[in-house]
Amino acid sequence: MHRPLHAVRPLAAAITLVAALVIAAAIAPCIAAEPPAPARPNVLFIITDQQFADAMSCRMGDKWIHTPNMDRLAAAGMLYTRAYAANPLCKPSRAAMFTGHYAVQTGIESNKPAKKFDFDRFTSLGRVFADAGYDTGYIGKWHLPWATSKNTDQHGFAVMQVSDDDEKHPPVATKFIRAKRDKPWLLVLSMLNPHNICQWSRDQKLPNGPIGDAPPPDQCPPAPANLAPCANEPPIMAQMRDCYHASTTFPVGDFSADKWRQYRWAYYRLIEKVDAQLGPVLDALHDSGQDANTLIVFTADHGECAGAHGWNQKTVMWEESARVPFIVVYPGVVQHGVSDQLVNTGVDIMPTLCDFAGVKPPADLPGMSLKGDATGNADATPKRSFIVVSDYMAQGAKANGVDPHPHSRMLRTARYKYWVLDQGDPRELLFDMEKDPGETINLAPDPAYAATLKELRAQLRDWCTRVDDRFDVPADQ
C-alpha cells in the first residue's frame, strides 16, 4: 500500500513544538520579531508521453485500467479537465512547456532538429529556477531544443540523466529527492511511456519491456464510440488520414474494431506500467518529509487517439490527441477538486510554477498562472474565454497521388471547438462539445452556426495578431 502524500505529524511532536514556543515566549517577552518568510516550495514536474487526458482510473473507472499513483495525485490536488497541449506532438509541446511560449513563437512545430530556435530569446525553465537559487535536476526523456552535452548553462539543469529507459528513472529521482541540501529544488521527471504503443501498433519489440499478449477482443476494452470519421468531414482530413496510414509509422488503416480493442488493452497496460514507476518517487517524497512543502505538477506532452476517428498516435486536434491530464498538488495550499478552467499547458506551466515558487518569470510570457484557480482565488485567475492550439502535420506518406502537410489551429471555448486547416476547401470543423463530446458531427457547414463561426474566426484572428501568427483564418461569408 502506498503512503499518503502528506501525513499529520505525531501528537508528541506537536506537544514538543508547543512547549518550545512557550519557553521562548517566557524568556524573551519584549522582543518583537517579524514572522519568518514562508519556505519556497520544492517543485516536482512529472511528464508522461502520449497519455490522453482521461486515461486514468480516477477518470474512467478501474474496470479496464488501474492507476493508483495518478489517482493518488488527483485525490490530493486539483485536476483540470480542459487542459490541452500547445501542440499535440512531442518536441513542439515540450519546447512550449519549457520556454512558456507557443510553438508558433519558438518555431518548433515538428520533431525535426530546431535549426532556427532563438536560444537568446527563449529561456529554459531550468535556467529560470537555477538563477532563482534552486537546485535543478532533469531525469528521463529529453526531446528539447537545448543540447544536453554542451549547453548546461542554457538549459540550467545541473543534475541530469537523459534516457528513454523508464526503469532507470525512479532510483535516480529518489536519490535526488533525498539529497541533503540547504535550498529548494526543481526536479523534472520525464517518462517515456505510454509512448511504446507506437511500437506495439507496428508489431515491434517494446523498448521499455514486454507487456504480454493481448487477450481475445471480447476481453479487452470496447472500441471507441467515435471510431468512424465525423459527419461532414472536410476532404483534407480524409486525405491526411490516408497519407498517415500509408506510412509504416502509422500502420493502422486496416485495423478492425476488434484490433482497436486490443490496441486499447495494450495502451492501458503501458499507462499502468508508468504509473507503477511513479510510486517509489512519491513515496520518497513522503518518507523524506518533504511532501508538505513540494508543489507537484503532473501532465503529458500530448495524448493518443487510440482509434478515435480511425487515427492512432497524435498531431491531430481530436480531443484524444490534444487534451492531456493536468494535476496540481501542494498540500495545504492547492484545493482538492476538479476545475474546468481552460488550460494551455505549453504556455501556462512556466508562469504557474514561477508564481507558486516566488520566482520571477521571463517578462514576455503569453500564458497565465493558474495559482489563483488552484488555490480558490478566483480574482487572481479569471476564467478564460478561449485557448488556441497549433499543429503541423509533417508526417505521413504520399497516398492517392497527394502528400499534403497542412498547418492548423484549434480554438477551444467552454462550449465549442473550432478547428481550421490552411489547405483544402472546405477546411473548417466546428463541434459543440457540450452536446457532442465525441466530435461526431462537424457543424461548420450548418447555416444555423454561421454566427458562431464568425465569432470564433474573429477570436482566432485576434489571437494570431497578438502572437504574430500569420495563419490564414477564413474570411466570413
Protein backbone atom coordinates (compact mmCIF):
# COMPACT_ATOMS: atom_id res chain seq x y z
CA MET A 1 0.00 0.00 0.00
CA HIS A 2 1.38 3.40 -0.94
CA ARG A 3 1.70 6.05 1.74
CA PRO A 4 -0.29 9.29 1.51
CA LEU A 5 1.43 12.30 0.00
CA HIS A 6 1.24 14.12 3.31
CA ALA A 7 0.84 12.69 6.81
CA VAL A 8 -0.05 14.54 10.03
CA ARG A 9 2.84 14.77 12.49
CA PRO A 10 2.56 12.66 15.65
CA LEU A 11 0.93 14.28 18.69
CA ALA A 12 4.16 14.08 20.68
CA ALA A 13 5.94 16.21 18.13
CA ALA A 14 3.17 18.80 18.28
CA ILE A 15 3.38 18.93 22.12
CA THR A 16 7.15 19.40 21.94
CA LEU A 17 6.71 22.24 19.49
CA VAL A 18 4.15 23.99 21.70
CA ALA A 19 6.42 23.64 24.75
CA ALA A 20 9.33 25.16 22.90
CA LEU A 21 7.23 28.13 21.85
CA VAL A 22 6.05 28.73 25.43
CA ILE A 23 9.64 28.69 26.77
CA ALA A 24 10.79 31.07 24.06
CA ALA A 25 7.98 33.49 24.85
CA ALA A 26 8.81 33.42 28.58
CA ILE A 27 12.49 34.24 28.19
CA ALA A 28 12.01 36.95 25.56
CA PRO A 29 8.68 38.66 26.24
CA CYS A 30 9.72 42.06 24.96
CA ILE A 31 11.29 41.05 21.67
CA ALA A 32 9.04 41.65 18.65
CA ALA A 33 10.15 39.53 15.72
CA GLU A 34 8.96 39.58 12.15
CA PRO A 35 7.25 36.34 11.10
CA PRO A 36 9.59 34.12 9.13
CA ALA A 37 9.21 34.18 5.39
CA PRO A 38 7.47 31.05 4.10
CA ALA A 39 9.84 28.48 2.70
CA ARG A 40 9.88 28.35 -1.06
CA PRO A 41 8.39 25.06 -2.22
CA ASN A 42 10.26 22.32 -3.96
CA VAL A 43 8.85 21.56 -7.42
CA LEU A 44 8.33 18.08 -8.86
CA PHE A 45 7.28 18.29 -12.51
CA ILE A 46 6.16 14.90 -13.90
CA ILE A 47 5.58 14.36 -17.62
CA THR A 48 4.36 11.21 -19.33
CA ASP A 49 4.47 10.76 -23.09
CA GLN A 50 1.35 10.21 -25.22
CA GLN A 51 -1.27 9.89 -22.46
CA PHE A 52 -4.72 11.21 -23.22
CA ALA A 53 -6.48 13.18 -20.53
CA ASP A 54 -8.94 10.64 -19.16
CA ALA A 55 -6.68 7.58 -19.32
CA MET A 56 -6.55 7.15 -15.53
CA SER A 57 -8.77 5.08 -13.28
CA CYS A 58 -9.78 8.18 -11.33
CA ARG A 59 -11.41 9.42 -14.56
CA MET A 60 -12.69 6.31 -16.36
CA GLY A 61 -13.09 3.81 -13.52
CA ASP A 62 -10.96 0.76 -12.82
CA LYS A 63 -12.66 -1.86 -15.00
CA TRP A 64 -10.03 -1.57 -17.74
CA ILE A 65 -7.22 0.42 -16.14
CA HIS A 66 -5.80 0.87 -12.64
CA THR A 67 -3.53 3.86 -11.90
CA PRO A 68 -3.24 4.18 -8.11
CA ASN A 69 -0.42 6.71 -8.17
CA MET A 70 -2.02 9.05 -10.66
CA ASP A 71 -5.25 8.68 -8.69
CA ARG A 72 -3.27 9.50 -5.57
CA LEU A 73 -2.20 12.80 -7.11
CA ALA A 74 -5.70 13.60 -8.32
CA ALA A 75 -7.15 12.98 -4.86
CA ALA A 76 -4.57 15.25 -3.25
CA GLY A 77 -4.91 18.26 -5.54
CA MET A 78 -6.72 19.99 -8.39
CA LEU A 79 -7.44 18.06 -11.58
CA TYR A 80 -8.07 20.07 -14.74
CA THR A 81 -10.47 18.56 -17.27
CA ARG A 82 -9.86 21.09 -20.06
CA ALA A 83 -6.08 21.12 -20.34
CA TYR A 84 -4.58 20.99 -23.82
CA ALA A 85 -1.08 20.64 -25.20
CA ALA A 86 0.23 23.71 -27.02
CA ASN A 87 0.86 21.42 -29.99
CA PRO A 88 -0.08 17.70 -29.92
CA LEU A 89 3.39 16.43 -30.83
CA CYS A 90 6.40 15.65 -28.62
CA LYS A 91 9.02 18.25 -29.47
CA PRO A 92 6.76 21.26 -30.12
CA SER A 93 4.81 20.58 -26.94
CA ARG A 94 7.91 20.16 -24.78
CA ALA A 95 9.61 23.23 -26.22
CA ALA A 96 6.49 25.22 -25.36
CA MET A 97 6.32 23.91 -21.78
CA PHE A 98 9.99 24.61 -21.11
CA THR A 99 10.02 28.10 -22.64
CA GLY A 100 6.48 29.22 -21.81
CA HIS A 101 5.90 30.22 -25.45
CA TYR A 102 3.64 28.93 -28.19
CA ALA A 103 5.07 26.63 -30.84
CA VAL A 104 4.36 29.28 -33.47
CA GLN A 105 6.66 31.58 -31.48
CA THR A 106 9.50 29.15 -30.79
CA GLY A 107 9.46 27.98 -34.41
CA ILE A 108 9.47 24.34 -33.27
CA GLU A 109 6.43 22.81 -34.96
CA SER A 110 7.65 19.30 -35.73
CA ASN A 111 10.06 16.71 -34.32
CA LYS A 112 12.81 17.77 -36.70
CA PRO A 113 16.01 19.48 -35.39
CA ALA A 114 15.41 23.02 -34.16
CA LYS A 115 17.61 24.90 -36.63
CA LYS A 116 16.06 28.34 -36.13
CA PHE A 117 15.43 28.23 -32.38
CA ASP A 118 16.49 31.52 -30.72
CA PHE A 119 18.48 30.44 -27.64
CA ASP A 120 18.92 34.04 -26.52
CA ARG A 121 15.21 34.87 -26.60
CA PHE A 122 13.76 31.71 -25.06
CA THR A 123 14.89 30.96 -21.52
CA SER A 124 14.63 27.39 -20.25
CA LEU A 125 12.53 26.56 -17.19
CA GLY A 126 15.66 25.04 -15.65
CA ARG A 127 17.64 28.22 -16.23
CA VAL A 128 14.88 30.37 -14.68
CA PHE A 129 14.81 28.27 -11.50
CA ALA A 130 18.59 27.85 -11.27
CA ASP A 131 19.00 31.63 -11.46
CA ALA A 132 16.48 31.94 -8.63
CA GLY A 133 18.62 29.77 -6.35
CA TYR A 134 17.03 26.36 -6.93
CA ASP A 135 18.88 23.08 -7.21
CA THR A 136 17.76 21.69 -10.56
CA GLY A 137 17.53 18.18 -11.96
CA TYR A 138 16.18 16.53 -15.10
CA ILE A 139 15.60 12.79 -15.41
CA GLY A 140 14.20 10.96 -18.42
CA LYS A 141 13.22 11.67 -22.00
CA TRP A 142 14.63 14.96 -23.31
CA HIS A 143 13.39 15.95 -26.80
CA LEU A 144 14.11 19.63 -26.09
CA PRO A 145 16.00 22.15 -28.26
CA TRP A 146 18.98 22.52 -25.93
CA ALA A 147 21.89 20.12 -26.39
CA THR A 148 22.37 18.09 -23.22
CA SER A 149 26.15 17.70 -23.63
CA LYS A 150 27.33 21.28 -24.01
CA ASN A 151 24.53 23.72 -23.23
CA THR A 152 24.19 23.20 -19.48
CA ASP A 153 24.36 26.95 -18.95
CA GLN A 154 21.46 27.38 -21.35
CA HIS A 155 19.06 24.73 -20.08
CA GLY A 156 20.02 25.20 -16.43
CA PHE A 157 19.72 21.61 -15.19
CA ALA A 158 22.72 20.81 -13.00
CA VAL A 159 21.82 17.14 -12.43
CA MET A 160 20.82 15.15 -15.49
CA GLN A 161 20.06 11.62 -16.58
CA VAL A 162 18.72 11.74 -20.12
CA SER A 163 17.40 8.35 -21.17
CA ASP A 164 14.30 6.73 -22.64
CA ASP A 165 14.61 3.77 -20.27
CA ASP A 166 11.87 4.37 -17.70
CA GLU A 167 13.21 1.63 -15.41
CA LYS A 168 16.31 3.73 -14.69
CA HIS A 169 14.47 6.86 -13.59
CA PRO A 170 12.88 6.14 -10.17
CA PRO A 171 16.18 5.33 -8.36
CA VAL A 172 17.84 8.50 -9.67
CA ALA A 173 14.78 10.59 -8.84
CA THR A 174 14.56 9.24 -5.29
CA LYS A 175 18.28 9.90 -4.78
CA PHE A 176 17.83 13.50 -5.93
CA ILE A 177 14.83 13.98 -3.63
CA ARG A 178 16.61 12.54 -0.58
CA ALA A 179 19.84 14.52 -1.06
CA LYS A 180 20.90 16.84 1.78
CA ARG A 181 20.68 20.47 0.69
CA ASP A 182 20.03 23.92 2.08
CA LYS A 183 17.90 25.30 -0.73
CA PRO A 184 14.76 24.26 -2.61
CA TRP A 185 14.84 22.07 -5.68
CA LEU A 186 13.16 21.66 -9.05
CA LEU A 187 13.08 18.13 -10.45
CA VAL A 188 11.67 17.20 -13.86
CA LEU A 189 10.75 13.51 -14.18
CA SER A 190 10.05 12.84 -17.86
CA MET A 191 8.76 9.32 -18.51
CA LEU A 192 8.64 7.72 -21.97
CA ASN A 193 5.55 5.57 -21.64
CA PRO A 194 2.85 5.02 -22.77
CA HIS A 195 4.66 6.07 -25.97
CA ASN A 196 5.59 2.41 -26.60
CA ILE A 197 2.08 1.98 -28.06
CA CYS A 198 3.69 3.25 -31.29
CA GLN A 199 5.90 0.15 -31.43
CA TRP A 200 3.03 -2.11 -30.37
CA SER A 201 0.96 -0.99 -33.38
CA ARG A 202 3.88 -1.97 -35.66
CA ASP A 203 4.41 -5.37 -34.01
CA GLN A 204 7.85 -4.21 -32.88
CA LYS A 205 9.68 -5.04 -29.68
CA LEU A 206 8.66 -2.61 -26.94
CA PRO A 207 11.70 -0.52 -25.88
CA ASN A 208 10.72 -0.50 -22.20
CA GLY A 209 9.94 -4.20 -21.90
CA PRO A 210 7.06 -6.52 -22.79
CA ILE A 211 3.50 -6.28 -21.54
CA GLY A 212 2.32 -9.73 -22.64
CA ASP A 213 -0.04 -10.75 -25.39
CA ALA A 214 -3.39 -9.06 -25.75
CA PRO A 215 -6.33 -11.29 -24.75
CA PRO A 216 -9.20 -12.03 -27.16
CA PRO A 217 -11.07 -8.86 -28.20
CA ASP A 218 -14.15 -9.70 -26.12
CA GLN A 219 -11.94 -9.50 -23.02
CA CYS A 220 -10.50 -6.11 -23.99
CA PRO A 221 -11.84 -2.57 -23.53
CA PRO A 222 -14.52 -1.56 -26.02
CA ALA A 223 -13.55 0.16 -29.25
CA PRO A 224 -14.10 3.92 -29.10
CA ALA A 225 -17.64 5.10 -29.78
CA ASN A 226 -16.20 7.68 -32.21
CA LEU A 227 -14.23 5.16 -34.28
CA ALA A 228 -15.77 6.39 -37.56
CA PRO A 229 -14.86 9.68 -39.26
CA CYS A 230 -17.05 12.58 -38.20
CA ALA A 231 -20.06 13.56 -40.26
CA ASN A 232 -19.35 16.39 -42.75
CA GLU A 233 -15.62 15.68 -42.60
CA PRO A 234 -13.64 18.05 -44.87
CA PRO A 235 -11.89 16.18 -47.72
CA ILE A 236 -8.47 17.35 -46.49
CA MET A 237 -8.98 15.35 -43.29
CA ALA A 238 -9.71 12.15 -45.22
CA GLN A 239 -6.61 12.81 -47.35
CA MET A 240 -4.47 13.28 -44.27
CA ARG A 241 -5.75 10.09 -42.67
CA ASP A 242 -4.95 8.17 -45.86
CA CYS A 243 -1.46 9.70 -46.00
CA TYR A 244 -0.73 8.79 -42.40
CA HIS A 245 -2.00 5.25 -42.88
CA ALA A 246 0.19 4.94 -45.99
CA SER A 247 3.24 5.42 -43.79
CA THR A 248 4.84 2.49 -41.97
CA THR A 249 4.87 4.76 -38.92
CA PHE A 250 1.05 4.58 -38.68
CA PRO A 251 0.08 1.07 -39.94
CA VAL A 252 -3.47 1.08 -38.58
CA GLY A 253 -5.50 1.80 -41.70
CA ASP A 254 -6.93 -1.72 -41.84
CA PHE A 255 -7.49 -2.16 -38.10
CA SER A 256 -10.88 -3.68 -37.30
CA ALA A 257 -12.90 -2.69 -34.24
CA ASP A 258 -11.57 -5.84 -32.55
CA LYS A 259 -7.97 -4.85 -33.28
CA TRP A 260 -8.62 -1.41 -31.80
CA ARG A 261 -9.94 -3.13 -28.67
CA GLN A 262 -6.64 -4.97 -28.30
CA TYR A 263 -4.78 -1.73 -29.05
CA ARG A 264 -6.56 -0.07 -26.15
CA TRP A 265 -5.80 -3.02 -23.89
CA ALA A 266 -2.09 -2.61 -24.67
CA TYR A 267 -2.26 1.16 -24.24
CA TYR A 268 -3.74 0.85 -20.77
CA ARG A 269 -1.08 -1.69 -19.75
CA LEU A 270 1.63 0.81 -20.72
CA ILE A 271 -0.04 3.53 -18.65
CA GLU A 272 -0.22 1.15 -15.69
CA LYS A 273 3.47 0.42 -16.18
CA VAL A 274 4.49 4.06 -15.95
CA ASP A 275 2.08 4.61 -13.05
CA ALA A 276 3.84 1.89 -11.05
CA GLN A 277 7.16 3.64 -11.62
CA LEU A 278 5.81 6.83 -10.09
CA GLY A 279 5.07 5.10 -6.78
CA PRO A 280 8.64 4.95 -5.40
CA VAL A 281 9.19 8.61 -6.29
CA LEU A 282 6.07 9.77 -4.44
CA ASP A 283 6.99 7.51 -1.51
CA ALA A 284 10.48 9.04 -1.33
CA LEU A 285 8.92 12.49 -1.22
CA HIS A 286 6.70 11.48 1.70
CA ASP A 287 9.33 9.45 3.58
CA SER A 288 11.82 12.32 3.41
CA GLY A 289 9.25 14.65 5.00
CA GLN A 290 9.23 17.00 2.01
CA ASP A 291 5.74 16.35 0.65
CA ALA A 292 4.22 19.15 2.73
CA ASN A 293 6.43 21.72 1.01
CA THR A 294 6.52 20.36 -2.52
CA LEU A 295 4.46 21.52 -5.46
CA ILE A 296 3.72 18.65 -7.86
CA VAL A 297 2.54 19.19 -11.41
CA PHE A 298 1.58 16.13 -13.45
CA THR A 299 0.84 16.21 -17.18
CA ALA A 300 1.64 14.61 -20.56
CA ASP A 301 3.23 16.16 -23.61
CA HIS A 302 0.20 15.16 -25.75
CA GLY A 303 -2.45 12.49 -25.98
CA GLU A 304 -3.14 9.39 -28.09
CA CYS A 305 -6.10 8.89 -30.44
CA ALA A 306 -6.28 5.12 -29.82
CA GLY A 307 -8.76 4.67 -32.64
CA ALA A 308 -10.73 7.91 -32.37
CA HIS A 309 -11.95 8.74 -35.91
CA GLY A 310 -9.65 6.00 -37.23
CA TRP A 311 -6.44 7.62 -36.01
CA ASN A 312 -3.64 6.45 -33.78
CA GLN A 313 -0.89 8.50 -32.17
CA LYS A 314 -1.14 12.30 -32.09
CA THR A 315 -0.68 15.50 -34.19
CA VAL A 316 -4.40 15.98 -34.94
CA MET A 317 -6.74 18.16 -32.87
CA TRP A 318 -9.15 15.43 -31.79
CA GLU A 319 -9.72 15.51 -28.03
CA GLU A 320 -7.90 12.22 -27.51
CA SER A 321 -4.78 13.65 -29.16
CA ALA A 322 -4.76 17.26 -27.93
CA ARG A 323 -6.26 17.11 -24.43
CA VAL A 324 -3.91 15.96 -21.66
CA PRO A 325 -4.01 15.09 -17.95
CA PHE A 326 -3.12 18.03 -15.73
CA ILE A 327 -2.99 17.83 -11.94
CA VAL A 328 -1.58 20.37 -9.46
CA VAL A 329 -0.79 19.29 -5.89
CA TYR A 330 0.52 21.39 -2.99
CA PRO A 331 -0.71 20.19 0.45
CA GLY A 332 -2.45 22.88 2.44
CA VAL A 333 -2.23 25.37 -0.44
CA VAL A 334 -3.92 23.87 -3.50
CA GLN A 335 -7.56 22.90 -3.10
CA HIS A 336 -8.82 19.37 -3.69
CA GLY A 337 -11.20 19.13 -6.60
CA VAL A 338 -11.83 19.39 -10.31
CA SER A 339 -11.53 22.53 -12.42
CA ASP A 340 -12.98 23.24 -15.87
CA GLN A 341 -10.64 26.18 -16.44
CA LEU A 342 -9.28 26.20 -19.99
CA VAL A 343 -5.54 25.47 -19.81
CA ASN A 344 -2.80 25.56 -22.43
CA THR A 345 -0.04 23.55 -20.76
CA GLY A 346 2.57 24.89 -23.14
CA VAL A 347 2.23 28.49 -22.01
CA ASP A 348 0.64 28.14 -18.56
CA ILE A 349 3.04 25.81 -16.76
CA MET A 350 6.02 28.18 -16.63
CA PRO A 351 4.09 31.13 -15.09
CA THR A 352 2.26 28.78 -12.72
CA LEU A 353 5.43 27.19 -11.34
CA CYS A 354 7.10 30.58 -11.01
CA ASP A 355 4.09 32.05 -9.20
CA PHE A 356 3.93 29.25 -6.63
CA ALA A 357 7.71 29.37 -6.08
CA GLY A 358 8.03 33.14 -5.88
CA VAL A 359 10.37 33.06 -8.88
CA LYS A 360 10.42 35.94 -11.34
CA PRO A 361 9.38 34.61 -14.76
CA PRO A 362 10.69 35.87 -18.09
CA ALA A 363 9.00 39.16 -18.95
CA ASP A 364 7.23 38.26 -22.19
CA LEU A 365 5.38 35.05 -21.36
CA PRO A 366 1.98 34.88 -23.10
CA GLY A 367 0.44 32.37 -20.68
CA MET A 368 -1.36 32.67 -17.36
CA SER A 369 -0.56 31.49 -13.84
CA LEU A 370 -3.12 29.03 -12.53
CA LYS A 371 -2.20 29.55 -8.89
CA GLY A 372 -5.32 31.58 -8.19
CA ASP A 373 -7.57 28.97 -9.73
CA ALA A 374 -5.83 26.11 -7.93
CA THR A 375 -5.97 27.86 -4.55
CA GLY A 376 -9.53 29.14 -4.83
CA ASN A 377 -8.68 32.77 -5.53
CA ALA A 378 -10.95 33.43 -8.49
CA ASP A 379 -9.90 37.09 -8.68
CA ALA A 380 -6.27 36.07 -9.31
CA THR A 381 -7.14 33.69 -12.16
CA PRO A 382 -10.19 34.79 -14.14
CA LYS A 383 -12.00 32.32 -16.37
CA ARG A 384 -10.59 32.26 -19.87
CA SER A 385 -12.91 32.70 -22.82
CA PHE A 386 -10.73 30.54 -25.11
CA ILE A 387 -7.35 28.93 -25.74
CA VAL A 388 -5.58 28.18 -29.03
CA VAL A 389 -3.57 25.09 -30.03
CA SER A 390 -1.47 24.77 -33.19
CA ASP A 391 -0.15 21.85 -35.21
CA TYR A 392 1.79 20.98 -38.34
CA MET A 393 1.05 17.61 -39.92
CA ALA A 394 4.59 16.98 -41.10
CA GLN A 395 4.43 13.19 -41.01
CA GLY A 396 2.65 10.72 -43.24
CA ALA A 397 3.44 9.49 -46.78
CA LYS A 398 2.14 10.04 -50.30
CA ALA A 399 -1.25 8.41 -50.87
CA ASN A 400 -3.62 8.55 -53.84
CA GLY A 401 -1.23 10.92 -55.60
CA VAL A 402 -1.24 13.56 -52.85
CA ASP A 403 1.12 14.35 -49.99
CA PRO A 404 -0.26 17.39 -48.15
CA HIS A 405 1.28 18.72 -44.95
CA PRO A 406 -1.16 21.29 -43.61
CA HIS A 407 -0.85 23.52 -40.58
CA SER A 408 -3.94 24.02 -38.46
CA ARG A 409 -5.22 25.95 -35.48
CA MET A 410 -7.77 24.87 -32.89
CA LEU A 411 -9.65 27.40 -30.78
CA ARG A 412 -11.42 25.94 -27.75
CA THR A 413 -14.07 27.81 -25.79
CA ALA A 414 -16.10 26.48 -22.88
CA ARG A 415 -18.65 25.11 -25.35
CA TYR A 416 -17.17 24.96 -28.85
CA LYS A 417 -14.12 23.63 -30.62
CA TYR A 418 -13.21 25.43 -33.85
CA TRP A 419 -10.55 23.68 -35.95
CA VAL A 420 -9.29 25.14 -39.23
CA LEU A 421 -6.58 23.92 -41.62
CA ASP A 422 -4.62 26.01 -44.11
CA GLN A 423 -5.31 23.61 -47.01
CA GLY A 424 -8.46 22.28 -48.60
CA ASP A 425 -11.90 23.65 -49.38
CA PRO A 426 -13.83 23.47 -47.14
CA ARG A 427 -11.26 23.45 -44.37
CA GLU A 428 -13.16 24.21 -41.17
CA LEU A 429 -14.55 21.99 -38.42
CA LEU A 430 -16.85 23.05 -35.59
CA PHE A 431 -18.06 20.91 -32.70
CA ASP A 432 -20.50 21.59 -29.88
CA MET A 433 -18.52 19.98 -27.05
CA GLU A 434 -21.47 20.04 -24.65
CA LYS A 435 -23.81 18.12 -26.96
CA ASP A 436 -21.18 16.15 -28.89
CA PRO A 437 -18.08 15.45 -26.76
CA GLY A 438 -17.04 12.66 -29.14
CA GLU A 439 -16.80 15.16 -32.02
CA THR A 440 -19.00 13.11 -34.33
CA ILE A 441 -20.78 15.92 -36.25
CA ASN A 442 -18.94 18.79 -37.92
CA LEU A 443 -21.29 21.77 -37.64
CA ALA A 444 -19.24 24.15 -39.80
CA PRO A 445 -21.40 23.64 -42.92
CA ASP A 446 -24.65 24.15 -40.96
CA PRO A 447 -26.13 27.63 -41.65
CA ALA A 448 -27.55 27.66 -38.12
CA TYR A 449 -23.99 28.03 -36.81
CA ALA A 450 -22.85 30.82 -39.17
CA ALA A 451 -22.88 33.41 -36.39
CA THR A 452 -20.90 31.12 -34.09
CA LEU A 453 -18.31 30.53 -36.81
CA LYS A 454 -18.00 34.26 -37.40
CA GLU A 455 -17.38 34.89 -33.70
CA LEU A 456 -14.79 32.11 -33.41
CA ARG A 457 -12.96 33.28 -36.52
CA ALA A 458 -12.75 36.76 -35.02
CA GLN A 459 -11.31 35.38 -31.79
CA LEU A 460 -8.72 33.37 -33.71
CA ARG A 461 -7.75 36.40 -35.82
CA ASP A 462 -7.28 38.42 -32.64
CA TRP A 463 -5.07 35.72 -31.13
CA CYS A 464 -2.99 35.47 -34.32
CA THR A 465 -2.42 39.22 -34.24
CA ARG A 466 -1.33 39.16 -30.60
CA VAL A 467 1.22 36.37 -31.05
CA ASP A 468 2.33 37.40 -34.55
CA ASP A 469 0.97 34.22 -36.14
CA ARG A 470 0.34 34.67 -39.87
CA PHE A 471 -2.04 31.75 -40.17
CA ASP A 472 -4.74 32.24 -42.82
CA VAL A 473 -8.07 32.41 -40.98
CA PRO A 474 -11.02 32.02 -43.40
CA ALA A 475 -12.98 35.12 -44.29
CA ASP A 476 -16.60 35.46 -43.25
CA GLN A 477 -19.11 34.50 -45.93
